[in-house]
mmCIF file of all heavy atoms, coordinates in Angstrom:
data_MODEL
# 
_entry.id   MODEL 
# 
loop_
_atom_site.group_PDB 
_atom_site.id 
_atom_site.type_symbol 
_atom_site.label_atom_id 
_atom_site.label_alt_id 
_atom_site.label_comp_id 
_atom_site.label_asym_id 
_atom_site.label_entity_id 
_atom_site.label_seq_id 
_atom_site.pdbx_PDB_ins_code 
_atom_site.Cartn_x 
_atom_site.Cartn_y 
_atom_site.Cartn_z 
_atom_site.occupancy 
_atom_site.B_iso_or_equiv 
_atom_site.pdbx_formal_charge 
_atom_site.auth_seq_id 
_atom_site.auth_comp_id 
_atom_site.auth_asym_id 
_atom_site.auth_atom_id 
_atom_site.pdbx_PDB_model_num 
ATOM 1   N N   . SER A 1 1  ? 12.757  10.811  11.270  1.00 0.00 ? 1  SER A N   1 
ATOM 2   C CA  . SER A 1 1  ? 12.442  12.226  11.075  1.00 0.00 ? 1  SER A CA  1 
ATOM 3   C C   . SER A 1 1  ? 11.088  12.342  10.380  1.00 0.00 ? 1  SER A C   1 
ATOM 4   O O   . SER A 1 1  ? 10.629  11.382  9.742   1.00 0.00 ? 1  SER A O   1 
ATOM 5   C CB  . SER A 1 1  ? 13.512  12.885  10.210  1.00 0.00 ? 1  SER A CB  1 
ATOM 6   O OG  . SER A 1 1  ? 13.465  12.368  8.882   1.00 0.00 ? 1  SER A OG  1 
ATOM 7   N N   . PRO A 1 2  ? 10.411  13.489  10.487  1.00 0.00 ? 2  PRO A N   1 
ATOM 8   C CA  . PRO A 1 2  ? 9.127   13.635  9.800   1.00 0.00 ? 2  PRO A CA  1 
ATOM 9   C C   . PRO A 1 2  ? 9.208   13.332  8.310   1.00 0.00 ? 2  PRO A C   1 
ATOM 10  O O   . PRO A 1 2  ? 8.309   12.673  7.752   1.00 0.00 ? 2  PRO A O   1 
ATOM 11  C CB  . PRO A 1 2  ? 8.762   15.104  10.050  1.00 0.00 ? 2  PRO A CB  1 
ATOM 12  C CG  . PRO A 1 2  ? 9.426   15.426  11.351  1.00 0.00 ? 2  PRO A CG  1 
ATOM 13  C CD  . PRO A 1 2  ? 10.715  14.661  11.335  1.00 0.00 ? 2  PRO A CD  1 
ATOM 14  N N   . ARG A 1 3  ? 10.279  13.777  7.659   1.00 0.00 ? 3  ARG A N   1 
ATOM 15  C CA  . ARG A 1 3  ? 10.403  13.537  6.219   1.00 0.00 ? 3  ARG A CA  1 
ATOM 16  C C   . ARG A 1 3  ? 10.574  12.053  5.914   1.00 0.00 ? 3  ARG A C   1 
ATOM 17  O O   . ARG A 1 3  ? 9.916   11.501  5.028   1.00 0.00 ? 3  ARG A O   1 
ATOM 18  C CB  . ARG A 1 3  ? 11.587  14.326  5.658   1.00 0.00 ? 3  ARG A CB  1 
ATOM 19  C CG  . ARG A 1 3  ? 11.778  14.150  4.162   1.00 0.00 ? 3  ARG A CG  1 
ATOM 20  C CD  . ARG A 1 3  ? 12.923  15.000  3.649   1.00 0.00 ? 3  ARG A CD  1 
ATOM 21  N NE  . ARG A 1 3  ? 13.117  14.839  2.219   1.00 0.00 ? 3  ARG A NE  1 
ATOM 22  C CZ  . ARG A 1 3  ? 14.072  15.443  1.520   1.00 0.00 ? 3  ARG A CZ  1 
ATOM 23  N NH1 . ARG A 1 3  ? 14.917  16.262  2.137   1.00 0.00 ? 3  ARG A NH1 1 
ATOM 24  N NH2 . ARG A 1 3  ? 14.170  15.237  0.230   1.00 0.00 ? 3  ARG A NH2 1 
ATOM 25  N N   . ALA A 1 4  ? 11.459  11.377  6.670   1.00 0.00 ? 4  ALA A N   1 
ATOM 26  C CA  . ALA A 1 4  ? 11.683  9.952   6.437   1.00 0.00 ? 4  ALA A CA  1 
ATOM 27  C C   . ALA A 1 4  ? 10.436  9.135   6.792   1.00 0.00 ? 4  ALA A C   1 
ATOM 28  O O   . ALA A 1 4  ? 10.081  8.182   6.095   1.00 0.00 ? 4  ALA A O   1 
ATOM 29  C CB  . ALA A 1 4  ? 12.877  9.474   7.252   1.00 0.00 ? 4  ALA A CB  1 
ATOM 30  N N   . GLY A 1 5  ? 9.789   9.510   7.897   1.00 0.00 ? 5  GLY A N   1 
ATOM 31  C CA  . GLY A 1 5  ? 8.571   8.816   8.283   1.00 0.00 ? 5  GLY A CA  1 
ATOM 32  C C   . GLY A 1 5  ? 7.477   8.970   7.251   1.00 0.00 ? 5  GLY A C   1 
ATOM 33  O O   . GLY A 1 5  ? 6.753   8.010   6.944   1.00 0.00 ? 5  GLY A O   1 
ATOM 34  N N   . ARG A 1 6  ? 7.350   10.183  6.725   1.00 0.00 ? 6  ARG A N   1 
ATOM 35  C CA  . ARG A 1 6  ? 6.330   10.423  5.694   1.00 0.00 ? 6  ARG A CA  1 
ATOM 36  C C   . ARG A 1 6  ? 6.584   9.564   4.467   1.00 0.00 ? 6  ARG A C   1 
ATOM 37  O O   . ARG A 1 6  ? 5.670   8.928   3.939   1.00 0.00 ? 6  ARG A O   1 
ATOM 38  C CB  . ARG A 1 6  ? 6.342   11.906  5.302   1.00 0.00 ? 6  ARG A CB  1 
ATOM 39  C CG  . ARG A 1 6  ? 5.274   12.283  4.260   1.00 0.00 ? 6  ARG A CG  1 
ATOM 40  C CD  . ARG A 1 6  ? 5.464   13.723  3.821   1.00 0.00 ? 6  ARG A CD  1 
ATOM 41  N NE  . ARG A 1 6  ? 6.691   13.886  3.062   1.00 0.00 ? 6  ARG A NE  1 
ATOM 42  C CZ  . ARG A 1 6  ? 7.373   15.024  2.969   1.00 0.00 ? 6  ARG A CZ  1 
ATOM 43  N NH1 . ARG A 1 6  ? 6.974   16.094  3.630   1.00 0.00 ? 6  ARG A NH1 1 
ATOM 44  N NH2 . ARG A 1 6  ? 8.476   15.082  2.248   1.00 0.00 ? 6  ARG A NH2 1 
ATOM 45  N N   . ARG A 1 7  ? 7.822   9.522   4.000   1.00 0.00 ? 7  ARG A N   1 
ATOM 46  C CA  . ARG A 1 7  ? 8.146   8.753   2.794   1.00 0.00 ? 7  ARG A CA  1 
ATOM 47  C C   . ARG A 1 7  ? 7.912   7.262   3.012   1.00 0.00 ? 7  ARG A C   1 
ATOM 48  O O   . ARG A 1 7  ? 7.322   6.580   2.170   1.00 0.00 ? 7  ARG A O   1 
ATOM 49  C CB  . ARG A 1 7  ? 9.589   9.015   2.369   1.00 0.00 ? 7  ARG A CB  1 
ATOM 50  C CG  . ARG A 1 7  ? 9.833   10.452  1.924   1.00 0.00 ? 7  ARG A CG  1 
ATOM 51  C CD  . ARG A 1 7  ? 11.266  10.684  1.491   1.00 0.00 ? 7  ARG A CD  1 
ATOM 52  N NE  . ARG A 1 7  ? 11.594  9.929   0.276   1.00 0.00 ? 7  ARG A NE  1 
ATOM 53  C CZ  . ARG A 1 7  ? 12.772  9.979   -0.314  1.00 0.00 ? 7  ARG A CZ  1 
ATOM 54  N NH1 . ARG A 1 7  ? 13.745  10.719  0.199   1.00 0.00 ? 7  ARG A NH1 1 
ATOM 55  N NH2 . ARG A 1 7  ? 12.996  9.289   -1.414  1.00 0.00 ? 7  ARG A NH2 1 
ATOM 56  N N   . LEU A 1 8  ? 8.390   6.753   4.143   1.00 0.00 ? 8  LEU A N   1 
ATOM 57  C CA  . LEU A 1 8  ? 8.199   5.327   4.424   1.00 0.00 ? 8  LEU A CA  1 
ATOM 58  C C   . LEU A 1 8  ? 6.723   5.009   4.619   1.00 0.00 ? 8  LEU A C   1 
ATOM 59  O O   . LEU A 1 8  ? 6.207   4.028   4.058   1.00 0.00 ? 8  LEU A O   1 
ATOM 60  C CB  . LEU A 1 8  ? 8.988   4.930   5.669   1.00 0.00 ? 8  LEU A CB  1 
ATOM 61  C CG  . LEU A 1 8  ? 8.779   3.484   6.148   1.00 0.00 ? 8  LEU A CG  1 
ATOM 62  C CD1 . LEU A 1 8  ? 9.279   2.496   5.107   1.00 0.00 ? 8  LEU A CD1 1 
ATOM 63  C CD2 . LEU A 1 8  ? 9.460   3.254   7.496   1.00 0.00 ? 8  LEU A CD2 1 
ATOM 64  N N   . GLY A 1 9  ? 6.049   5.827   5.416   1.00 0.00 ? 9  GLY A N   1 
ATOM 65  C CA  . GLY A 1 9  ? 4.647   5.564   5.713   1.00 0.00 ? 9  GLY A CA  1 
ATOM 66  C C   . GLY A 1 9  ? 3.779   5.556   4.476   1.00 0.00 ? 9  GLY A C   1 
ATOM 67  O O   . GLY A 1 9  ? 2.931   4.657   4.291   1.00 0.00 ? 9  GLY A O   1 
ATOM 68  N N   . ARG A 1 10 ? 3.988   6.513   3.582   1.00 0.00 ? 10 ARG A N   1 
ATOM 69  C CA  . ARG A 1 10 ? 3.161   6.580   2.372   1.00 0.00 ? 10 ARG A CA  1 
ATOM 70  C C   . ARG A 1 10 ? 3.504   5.450   1.410   1.00 0.00 ? 10 ARG A C   1 
ATOM 71  O O   . ARG A 1 10 ? 2.615   4.910   0.743   1.00 0.00 ? 10 ARG A O   1 
ATOM 72  C CB  . ARG A 1 10 ? 3.326   7.950   1.710   1.00 0.00 ? 10 ARG A CB  1 
ATOM 73  C CG  . ARG A 1 10 ? 2.748   9.076   2.556   1.00 0.00 ? 10 ARG A CG  1 
ATOM 74  C CD  . ARG A 1 10 ? 2.873   10.444  1.892   1.00 0.00 ? 10 ARG A CD  1 
ATOM 75  N NE  . ARG A 1 10 ? 2.413   11.478  2.796   1.00 0.00 ? 10 ARG A NE  1 
ATOM 76  C CZ  . ARG A 1 10 ? 2.405   12.785  2.512   1.00 0.00 ? 10 ARG A CZ  1 
ATOM 77  N NH1 . ARG A 1 10 ? 2.848   13.201  1.326   1.00 0.00 ? 10 ARG A NH1 1 
ATOM 78  N NH2 . ARG A 1 10 ? 1.966   13.663  3.402   1.00 0.00 ? 10 ARG A NH2 1 
ATOM 79  N N   . TRP A 1 11 ? 4.787   5.083   1.347   1.00 0.00 ? 11 TRP A N   1 
ATOM 80  C CA  . TRP A 1 11 ? 5.163   3.982   0.458   1.00 0.00 ? 11 TRP A CA  1 
ATOM 81  C C   . TRP A 1 11 ? 4.520   2.678   0.915   1.00 0.00 ? 11 TRP A C   1 
ATOM 82  O O   . TRP A 1 11 ? 3.981   1.916   0.107   1.00 0.00 ? 11 TRP A O   1 
ATOM 83  C CB  . TRP A 1 11 ? 6.678   3.834   0.419   1.00 0.00 ? 11 TRP A CB  1 
ATOM 84  C CG  . TRP A 1 11 ? 7.117   2.768   -0.551  1.00 0.00 ? 11 TRP A CG  1 
ATOM 85  C CD1 . TRP A 1 11 ? 7.370   2.910   -1.878  1.00 0.00 ? 11 TRP A CD1 1 
ATOM 86  C CD2 . TRP A 1 11 ? 7.335   1.373   -0.243  1.00 0.00 ? 11 TRP A CD2 1 
ATOM 87  N NE1 . TRP A 1 11 ? 7.722   1.692   -2.432  1.00 0.00 ? 11 TRP A NE1 1 
ATOM 88  C CE2 . TRP A 1 11 ? 7.709   0.738   -1.460  1.00 0.00 ? 11 TRP A CE2 1 
ATOM 89  C CE3 . TRP A 1 11 ? 7.257   0.617   0.914   1.00 0.00 ? 11 TRP A CE3 1 
ATOM 90  C CZ2 . TRP A 1 11 ? 8.003   -0.623  -1.523  1.00 0.00 ? 11 TRP A CZ2 1 
ATOM 91  C CZ3 . TRP A 1 11 ? 7.531   -0.744  0.859   1.00 0.00 ? 11 TRP A CZ3 1 
ATOM 92  C CH2 . TRP A 1 11 ? 7.901   -1.351  -0.362  1.00 0.00 ? 11 TRP A CH2 1 
ATOM 93  N N   . VAL A 1 12 ? 4.565   2.411   2.222   1.00 0.00 ? 12 VAL A N   1 
ATOM 94  C CA  . VAL A 1 12 ? 3.987   1.167   2.737   1.00 0.00 ? 12 VAL A CA  1 
ATOM 95  C C   . VAL A 1 12 ? 2.470   1.151   2.549   1.00 0.00 ? 12 VAL A C   1 
ATOM 96  O O   . VAL A 1 12 ? 1.895   0.129   2.166   1.00 0.00 ? 12 VAL A O   1 
ATOM 97  C CB  . VAL A 1 12 ? 4.361   0.981   4.229   1.00 0.00 ? 12 VAL A CB  1 
ATOM 98  C CG1 . VAL A 1 12 ? 3.591   -0.192  4.825   1.00 0.00 ? 12 VAL A CG1 1 
ATOM 99  C CG2 . VAL A 1 12 ? 5.857   0.751   4.379   1.00 0.00 ? 12 VAL A CG2 1 
ATOM 100 N N   . ILE A 1 13 ? 1.811   2.261   2.811   1.00 0.00 ? 13 ILE A N   1 
ATOM 101 C CA  . ILE A 1 13 ? 0.358   2.315   2.631   1.00 0.00 ? 13 ILE A CA  1 
ATOM 102 C C   . ILE A 1 13 ? -0.002  2.067   1.167   1.00 0.00 ? 13 ILE A C   1 
ATOM 103 O O   . ILE A 1 13 ? -0.909  1.294   0.848   1.00 0.00 ? 13 ILE A O   1 
ATOM 104 C CB  . ILE A 1 13 ? -0.195  3.664   3.115   1.00 0.00 ? 13 ILE A CB  1 
ATOM 105 C CG1 . ILE A 1 13 ? -0.121  3.735   4.639   1.00 0.00 ? 13 ILE A CG1 1 
ATOM 106 C CG2 . ILE A 1 13 ? -1.639  3.855   2.647   1.00 0.00 ? 13 ILE A CG2 1 
ATOM 107 C CD1 . ILE A 1 13 ? -0.485  5.082   5.213   1.00 0.00 ? 13 ILE A CD1 1 
ATOM 108 N N   . GLY A 1 14 ? 0.720   2.705   0.254   1.00 0.00 ? 14 GLY A N   1 
ATOM 109 C CA  . GLY A 1 14 ? 0.456   2.490   -1.167  1.00 0.00 ? 14 GLY A CA  1 
ATOM 110 C C   . GLY A 1 14 ? 0.658   1.044   -1.570  1.00 0.00 ? 14 GLY A C   1 
ATOM 111 O O   . GLY A 1 14 ? -0.146  0.450   -2.298  1.00 0.00 ? 14 GLY A O   1 
ATOM 112 N N   . ALA A 1 15 ? 1.751   0.436   -1.073  1.00 0.00 ? 15 ALA A N   1 
ATOM 113 C CA  . ALA A 1 15 ? 2.027   -0.966  -1.395  1.00 0.00 ? 15 ALA A CA  1 
ATOM 114 C C   . ALA A 1 15 ? 0.962   -1.882  -0.807  1.00 0.00 ? 15 ALA A C   1 
ATOM 115 O O   . ALA A 1 15 ? 0.515   -2.838  -1.454  1.00 0.00 ? 15 ALA A O   1 
ATOM 116 C CB  . ALA A 1 15 ? 3.409   -1.355  -0.874  1.00 0.00 ? 15 ALA A CB  1 
ATOM 117 N N   . GLY A 1 16 ? 0.554   -1.597  0.421   1.00 0.00 ? 16 GLY A N   1 
ATOM 118 C CA  . GLY A 1 16 ? -0.479  -2.418  1.053   1.00 0.00 ? 16 GLY A CA  1 
ATOM 119 C C   . GLY A 1 16 ? -1.792  -2.359  0.313   1.00 0.00 ? 16 GLY A C   1 
ATOM 120 O O   . GLY A 1 16 ? -2.467  -3.392  0.122   1.00 0.00 ? 16 GLY A O   1 
ATOM 121 N N   . PHE A 1 17 ? -2.165  -1.173  -0.142  1.00 0.00 ? 17 PHE A N   1 
ATOM 122 C CA  . PHE A 1 17 ? -3.418  -1.048  -0.881  1.00 0.00 ? 17 PHE A CA  1 
ATOM 123 C C   . PHE A 1 17 ? -3.323  -1.710  -2.253  1.00 0.00 ? 17 PHE A C   1 
ATOM 124 O O   . PHE A 1 17 ? -4.310  -2.266  -2.750  1.00 0.00 ? 17 PHE A O   1 
ATOM 125 C CB  . PHE A 1 17 ? -3.803  0.425   -1.016  1.00 0.00 ? 17 PHE A CB  1 
ATOM 126 C CG  . PHE A 1 17 ? -4.283  1.042   0.276   1.00 0.00 ? 17 PHE A CG  1 
ATOM 127 C CD1 . PHE A 1 17 ? -4.378  2.424   0.409   1.00 0.00 ? 17 PHE A CD1 1 
ATOM 128 C CD2 . PHE A 1 17 ? -4.632  0.256   1.358   1.00 0.00 ? 17 PHE A CD2 1 
ATOM 129 C CE1 . PHE A 1 17 ? -4.824  2.992   1.600   1.00 0.00 ? 17 PHE A CE1 1 
ATOM 130 C CE2 . PHE A 1 17 ? -5.078  0.816   2.554   1.00 0.00 ? 17 PHE A CE2 1 
ATOM 131 C CZ  . PHE A 1 17 ? -5.170  2.199   2.665   1.00 0.00 ? 17 PHE A CZ  1 
ATOM 132 N N   . ARG A 1 18 ? -2.136  -1.666  -2.881  1.00 0.00 ? 18 ARG A N   1 
ATOM 133 C CA  . ARG A 1 18 ? -1.973  -2.372  -4.161  1.00 0.00 ? 18 ARG A CA  1 
ATOM 134 C C   . ARG A 1 18 ? -2.140  -3.880  -3.963  1.00 0.00 ? 18 ARG A C   1 
ATOM 135 O O   . ARG A 1 18 ? -2.763  -4.563  -4.787  1.00 0.00 ? 18 ARG A O   1 
ATOM 136 C CB  . ARG A 1 18 ? -0.601  -2.067  -4.762  1.00 0.00 ? 18 ARG A CB  1 
ATOM 137 C CG  . ARG A 1 18 ? -0.496  -0.700  -5.416  1.00 0.00 ? 18 ARG A CG  1 
ATOM 138 C CD  . ARG A 1 18 ? 0.730   -0.577  -6.300  1.00 0.00 ? 18 ARG A CD  1 
ATOM 139 N NE  . ARG A 1 18 ? 1.977   -0.748  -5.555  1.00 0.00 ? 18 ARG A NE  1 
ATOM 140 C CZ  . ARG A 1 18 ? 2.582   0.221   -4.873  1.00 0.00 ? 18 ARG A CZ  1 
ATOM 141 N NH1 . ARG A 1 18 ? 2.056   1.435   -4.830  1.00 0.00 ? 18 ARG A NH1 1 
ATOM 142 N NH2 . ARG A 1 18 ? 3.721   0.001   -4.245  1.00 0.00 ? 18 ARG A NH2 1 
ATOM 143 N N   . ILE A 1 19 ? -1.591  -4.403  -2.876  1.00 0.00 ? 19 ILE A N   1 
ATOM 144 C CA  . ILE A 1 19 ? -1.746  -5.832  -2.578  1.00 0.00 ? 19 ILE A CA  1 
ATOM 145 C C   . ILE A 1 19 ? -3.219  -6.162  -2.354  1.00 0.00 ? 19 ILE A C   1 
ATOM 146 O O   . ILE A 1 19 ? -3.732  -7.170  -2.868  1.00 0.00 ? 19 ILE A O   1 
ATOM 147 C CB  . ILE A 1 19 ? -0.908  -6.207  -1.336  1.00 0.00 ? 19 ILE A CB  1 
ATOM 148 C CG1 . ILE A 1 19 ? 0.588   -6.115  -1.667  1.00 0.00 ? 19 ILE A CG1 1 
ATOM 149 C CG2 . ILE A 1 19 ? -1.275  -7.600  -0.834  1.00 0.00 ? 19 ILE A CG2 1 
ATOM 150 C CD1 . ILE A 1 19 ? 1.478   -6.250  -0.445  1.00 0.00 ? 19 ILE A CD1 1 
ATOM 151 N N   . TYR A 1 20 ? -3.907  -5.313  -1.623  1.00 0.00 ? 20 TYR A N   1 
ATOM 152 C CA  . TYR A 1 20 ? -5.323  -5.558  -1.327  1.00 0.00 ? 20 TYR A CA  1 
ATOM 153 C C   . TYR A 1 20 ? -6.175  -5.542  -2.595  1.00 0.00 ? 20 TYR A C   1 
ATOM 154 O O   . TYR A 1 20 ? -6.983  -6.447  -2.828  1.00 0.00 ? 20 TYR A O   1 
ATOM 155 C CB  . TYR A 1 20 ? -5.827  -4.509  -0.336  1.00 0.00 ? 20 TYR A CB  1 
ATOM 156 C CG  . TYR A 1 20 ? -7.309  -4.588  -0.073  1.00 0.00 ? 20 TYR A CG  1 
ATOM 157 C CD1 . TYR A 1 20 ? -7.887  -5.739  0.441   1.00 0.00 ? 20 TYR A CD1 1 
ATOM 158 C CD2 . TYR A 1 20 ? -8.132  -3.491  -0.350  1.00 0.00 ? 20 TYR A CD2 1 
ATOM 159 C CE1 . TYR A 1 20 ? -9.250  -5.804  0.679   1.00 0.00 ? 20 TYR A CE1 1 
ATOM 160 C CE2 . TYR A 1 20 ? -9.489  -3.551  -0.109  1.00 0.00 ? 20 TYR A CE2 1 
ATOM 161 C CZ  . TYR A 1 20 ? -10.043 -4.712  0.404   1.00 0.00 ? 20 TYR A CZ  1 
ATOM 162 O OH  . TYR A 1 20 ? -11.400 -4.778  0.631   1.00 0.00 ? 20 TYR A OH  1 
ATOM 163 N N   . LEU A 1 21 ? -5.986  -4.524  -3.439  1.00 0.00 ? 21 LEU A N   1 
ATOM 164 C CA  . LEU A 1 21 ? -6.762  -4.454  -4.684  1.00 0.00 ? 21 LEU A CA  1 
ATOM 165 C C   . LEU A 1 21 ? -6.397  -5.608  -5.608  1.00 0.00 ? 21 LEU A C   1 
ATOM 166 O O   . LEU A 1 21 ? -7.257  -6.134  -6.327  1.00 0.00 ? 21 LEU A O   1 
ATOM 167 C CB  . LEU A 1 21 ? -6.532  -3.117  -5.380  1.00 0.00 ? 21 LEU A CB  1 
ATOM 168 C CG  . LEU A 1 21 ? -6.955  -1.862  -4.602  1.00 0.00 ? 21 LEU A CG  1 
ATOM 169 C CD1 . LEU A 1 21 ? -6.815  -0.626  -5.485  1.00 0.00 ? 21 LEU A CD1 1 
ATOM 170 C CD2 . LEU A 1 21 ? -8.373  -1.968  -4.072  1.00 0.00 ? 21 LEU A CD2 1 
ATOM 171 N N   . GLY A 1 22 ? -5.128  -6.015  -5.588  1.00 0.00 ? 22 GLY A N   1 
ATOM 172 C CA  . GLY A 1 22 ? -4.723  -7.176  -6.364  1.00 0.00 ? 22 GLY A CA  1 
ATOM 173 C C   . GLY A 1 22 ? -5.405  -8.443  -5.881  1.00 0.00 ? 22 GLY A C   1 
ATOM 174 O O   . GLY A 1 22 ? -5.801  -9.308  -6.690  1.00 0.00 ? 22 GLY A O   1 
ATOM 175 N N   . PHE A 1 23 ? -5.567  -8.570  -4.572  1.00 0.00 ? 23 PHE A N   1 
ATOM 176 C CA  . PHE A 1 23 ? -6.270  -9.731  -4.015  1.00 0.00 ? 23 PHE A CA  1 
ATOM 177 C C   . PHE A 1 23 ? -7.733  -9.733  -4.461  1.00 0.00 ? 23 PHE A C   1 
ATOM 178 O O   . PHE A 1 23 ? -8.274  -10.784 -4.841  1.00 0.00 ? 23 PHE A O   1 
ATOM 179 C CB  . PHE A 1 23 ? -6.186  -9.714  -2.489  1.00 0.00 ? 23 PHE A CB  1 
ATOM 180 C CG  . PHE A 1 23 ? -6.940  -10.829 -1.825  1.00 0.00 ? 23 PHE A CG  1 
ATOM 181 C CD1 . PHE A 1 23 ? -6.388  -12.095 -1.716  1.00 0.00 ? 23 PHE A CD1 1 
ATOM 182 C CD2 . PHE A 1 23 ? -8.214  -10.615 -1.320  1.00 0.00 ? 23 PHE A CD2 1 
ATOM 183 C CE1 . PHE A 1 23 ? -7.089  -13.133 -1.110  1.00 0.00 ? 23 PHE A CE1 1 
ATOM 184 C CE2 . PHE A 1 23 ? -8.922  -11.639 -0.718  1.00 0.00 ? 23 PHE A CE2 1 
ATOM 185 C CZ  . PHE A 1 23 ? -8.359  -12.907 -0.616  1.00 0.00 ? 23 PHE A CZ  1 
ATOM 186 N N   . LEU A 1 24 ? -8.390  -8.576  -4.412  1.00 0.00 ? 24 LEU A N   1 
ATOM 187 C CA  . LEU A 1 24 ? -9.787  -8.492  -4.853  1.00 0.00 ? 24 LEU A CA  1 
ATOM 188 C C   . LEU A 1 24 ? -9.911  -8.865  -6.330  1.00 0.00 ? 24 LEU A C   1 
ATOM 189 O O   . LEU A 1 24 ? -10.888 -9.509  -6.739  1.00 0.00 ? 24 LEU A O   1 
ATOM 190 C CB  . LEU A 1 24 ? -10.324 -7.086  -4.614  1.00 0.00 ? 24 LEU A CB  1 
ATOM 191 C CG  . LEU A 1 24 ? -10.444 -6.626  -3.158  1.00 0.00 ? 24 LEU A CG  1 
ATOM 192 C CD1 . LEU A 1 24 ? -11.014 -5.216  -3.099  1.00 0.00 ? 24 LEU A CD1 1 
ATOM 193 C CD2 . LEU A 1 24 ? -11.305 -7.584  -2.340  1.00 0.00 ? 24 LEU A CD2 1 
ATOM 194 N N   . THR A 1 25 ? -8.930  -8.465  -7.126  1.00 0.00 ? 25 THR A N   1 
ATOM 195 C CA  . THR A 1 25 ? -8.938  -8.818  -8.547  1.00 0.00 ? 25 THR A CA  1 
ATOM 196 C C   . THR A 1 25 ? -8.708  -10.314 -8.734  1.00 0.00 ? 25 THR A C   1 
ATOM 197 O O   . THR A 1 25 ? -9.398  -10.970 -9.531  1.00 0.00 ? 25 THR A O   1 
ATOM 198 C CB  . THR A 1 25 ? -7.850  -8.028  -9.293  1.00 0.00 ? 25 THR A CB  1 
ATOM 199 O OG1 . THR A 1 25 ? -8.091  -6.625  -9.136  1.00 0.00 ? 25 THR A OG1 1 
ATOM 200 C CG2 . THR A 1 25 ? -7.847  -8.375  -10.778 1.00 0.00 ? 25 THR A CG2 1 
ATOM 201 N N   . LEU A 1 26 ? -7.757  -10.876 -8.002  1.00 0.00 ? 26 LEU A N   1 
ATOM 202 C CA  . LEU A 1 26 ? -7.420  -12.294 -8.127  1.00 0.00 ? 26 LEU A CA  1 
ATOM 203 C C   . LEU A 1 26 ? -8.604  -13.188 -7.767  1.00 0.00 ? 26 LEU A C   1 
ATOM 204 O O   . LEU A 1 26 ? -8.839  -14.222 -8.422  1.00 0.00 ? 26 LEU A O   1 
ATOM 205 C CB  . LEU A 1 26 ? -6.228  -12.618 -7.230  1.00 0.00 ? 26 LEU A CB  1 
ATOM 206 C CG  . LEU A 1 26 ? -5.695  -14.061 -7.274  1.00 0.00 ? 26 LEU A CG  1 
ATOM 207 C CD1 . LEU A 1 26 ? -5.122  -14.372 -8.659  1.00 0.00 ? 26 LEU A CD1 1 
ATOM 208 C CD2 . LEU A 1 26 ? -4.632  -14.263 -6.207  1.00 0.00 ? 26 LEU A CD2 1 
ATOM 209 N N   . THR A 1 27 ? -9.357  -12.816 -6.746  1.00 0.00 ? 27 THR A N   1 
ATOM 210 C CA  . THR A 1 27 ? -10.495 -13.629 -6.324  1.00 0.00 ? 27 THR A CA  1 
ATOM 211 C C   . THR A 1 27 ? -11.738 -13.402 -7.177  1.00 0.00 ? 27 THR A C   1 
ATOM 212 O O   . THR A 1 27 ? -12.729 -14.114 -7.021  1.00 0.00 ? 27 THR A O   1 
ATOM 213 C CB  . THR A 1 27 ? -10.851 -13.343 -4.856  1.00 0.00 ? 27 THR A CB  1 
ATOM 214 O OG1 . THR A 1 27 ? -11.195 -11.955 -4.708  1.00 0.00 ? 27 THR A OG1 1 
ATOM 215 C CG2 . THR A 1 27 ? -9.689  -13.681 -3.941  1.00 0.00 ? 27 THR A CG2 1 
ATOM 216 N N   . GLY A 1 28 ? -11.681 -12.417 -8.052  1.00 0.00 ? 28 GLY A N   1 
ATOM 217 C CA  . GLY A 1 28 ? -12.829 -12.132 -8.895  1.00 0.00 ? 28 GLY A CA  1 
ATOM 218 C C   . GLY A 1 28 ? -13.885 -11.279 -8.227  1.00 0.00 ? 28 GLY A C   1 
ATOM 219 O O   . GLY A 1 28 ? -14.981 -11.116 -8.760  1.00 0.00 ? 28 GLY A O   1 
ATOM 220 N N   . ALA A 1 29 ? -13.571 -10.698 -7.055  1.00 0.00 ? 29 ALA A N   1 
ATOM 221 C CA  . ALA A 1 29 ? -14.534 -9.846  -6.371  1.00 0.00 ? 29 ALA A CA  1 
ATOM 222 C C   . ALA A 1 29 ? -14.704 -8.511  -7.080  1.00 0.00 ? 29 ALA A C   1 
ATOM 223 O O   . ALA A 1 29 ? -15.814 -7.964  -7.150  1.00 0.00 ? 29 ALA A O   1 
ATOM 224 C CB  . ALA A 1 29 ? -14.097 -9.613  -4.922  1.00 0.00 ? 29 ALA A CB  1 
# 
């Protein structure tokens, strides 16, 4: 449903970006 898709989609995007920024921090970039 639009509501379920929105919640899942935003959660995954947020988690993915946290992983990415964490990687940049870990490598010292």
